[in-house]
């Protein structure tokens, strides 16, 4: 199935609206997870799907500080013998 760009945008807008209107959806919990106050594992499937999209958008805008943090984390993992393939990357 192939959609125009406009149709794709409308589709995902409807999906997003449906998720946000789902029973039990808690936007506050999503924001808490994005700020690191709670684990994303505490989110229900609807909240987690919103979290994943928002987290990806945030990471696309990562600045020098974020890139340095994740480089340092990757270096520590390699030094500890963690195989990046085991991390799903």
Protein backbone atom coordinates (compact mmCIF):
# COMPACT_ATOMS: atom_id res chain seq x y z
CA UNK A 1 0.00 0.00 0.00
CA UNK A 2 1.39 3.36 -1.00
CA UNK A 3 0.20 6.64 0.47
CA UNK A 4 0.91 10.19 -0.56
CA UNK A 5 2.91 12.26 1.90
CA UNK A 6 -0.27 14.08 2.91
CA UNK A 7 -2.16 10.81 3.40
CA UNK A 8 0.73 9.44 5.46
CA UNK A 9 0.70 12.53 7.69
CA UNK A 10 -3.05 12.27 8.17
CA UNK A 11 -2.76 8.56 8.96
CA UNK A 12 -0.12 9.05 11.65
CA UNK A 13 -1.99 12.02 13.09
CA UNK A 14 -5.04 9.76 13.53
CA UNK A 15 -2.88 7.02 15.07
CA UNK A 16 -1.34 9.50 17.49
CA UNK A 17 -4.71 10.93 18.44
CA UNK A 18 -6.09 7.45 19.03
CA UNK A 19 -3.18 6.62 21.31
CA UNK A 20 -3.50 9.85 23.28
CA UNK A 21 -7.23 9.21 23.70
CA UNK A 22 -6.74 5.59 24.80
CA UNK A 23 -8.12 4.70 28.24
CA UNK A 24 -5.45 5.02 30.88
CA UNK A 25 -3.01 6.96 28.68
CA UNK A 26 -0.96 9.22 30.96
CA UNK A 27 1.04 11.95 29.21
CA UNK A 28 2.69 12.85 32.53
CA UNK A 29 4.24 9.38 32.76
CA UNK A 30 5.63 9.75 29.22
CA UNK A 31 7.24 13.07 30.16
CA UNK A 32 8.60 11.58 33.39
CA UNK A 33 10.21 8.77 31.39
CA UNK A 34 11.67 11.23 28.87
CA UNK A 35 13.20 13.19 31.76
CA UNK A 36 14.58 10.00 33.28
CA UNK A 37 12.41 10.21 36.41
CA UNK A 38 10.91 6.79 35.73
CA UNK A 39 11.96 3.86 33.58
CA UNK A 40 10.30 3.53 30.16
CA UNK A 41 9.57 -0.05 31.29
CA UNK A 42 6.90 1.42 33.61
CA UNK A 43 4.87 2.71 30.64
CA UNK A 44 1.94 0.83 29.18
CA UNK A 45 2.13 -0.10 25.47
CA UNK A 46 0.35 3.09 24.33
CA UNK A 47 2.54 5.32 26.47
CA UNK A 48 5.64 3.44 25.36
CA UNK A 49 4.84 3.97 21.68
CA UNK A 50 4.55 7.73 22.27
CA UNK A 51 7.73 7.67 24.37
CA UNK A 52 9.64 5.89 21.58
CA UNK A 53 8.59 8.44 18.96
CA UNK A 54 9.35 11.43 21.18
CA UNK A 55 12.66 9.96 22.36
CA UNK A 56 13.74 9.41 18.75
CA UNK A 57 12.86 13.02 17.89
CA UNK A 58 14.86 14.27 20.86
CA UNK A 59 17.87 12.16 19.92
CA UNK A 60 17.76 13.46 16.34
CA UNK A 61 18.36 16.92 17.82
CA UNK A 62 21.17 15.75 20.09
CA UNK A 63 23.81 18.37 20.73
CA UNK A 64 27.50 18.05 21.48
CA UNK A 65 26.86 17.26 25.14
CA UNK A 66 24.56 14.34 24.33
CA UNK A 67 26.89 12.99 21.64
CA UNK A 68 29.83 13.17 24.06
CA UNK A 69 27.82 11.35 26.75
CA UNK A 70 26.85 8.49 24.44
CA UNK A 71 30.38 8.24 23.02
CA UNK A 72 31.72 7.95 26.57
CA UNK A 73 29.07 5.33 27.38
CA UNK A 74 29.95 3.33 24.26
CA UNK A 75 33.66 3.52 25.13
CA UNK A 76 32.93 2.21 28.64
CA UNK A 77 30.83 -0.63 27.25
CA UNK A 78 33.55 -1.64 24.78
CA UNK A 79 36.16 -1.50 27.55
CA UNK A 80 33.93 -3.77 29.65
CA UNK A 81 33.74 -6.23 26.78
CA UNK A 82 30.17 -5.51 25.73
CA UNK A 83 29.60 -6.47 22.11
CA UNK A 84 27.60 -3.75 20.34
CA UNK A 85 25.70 -6.46 18.44
CA UNK A 86 24.36 -7.69 21.78
CA UNK A 87 22.85 -4.25 22.34
CA UNK A 88 20.85 -4.30 19.13
CA UNK A 89 22.91 -1.57 17.50
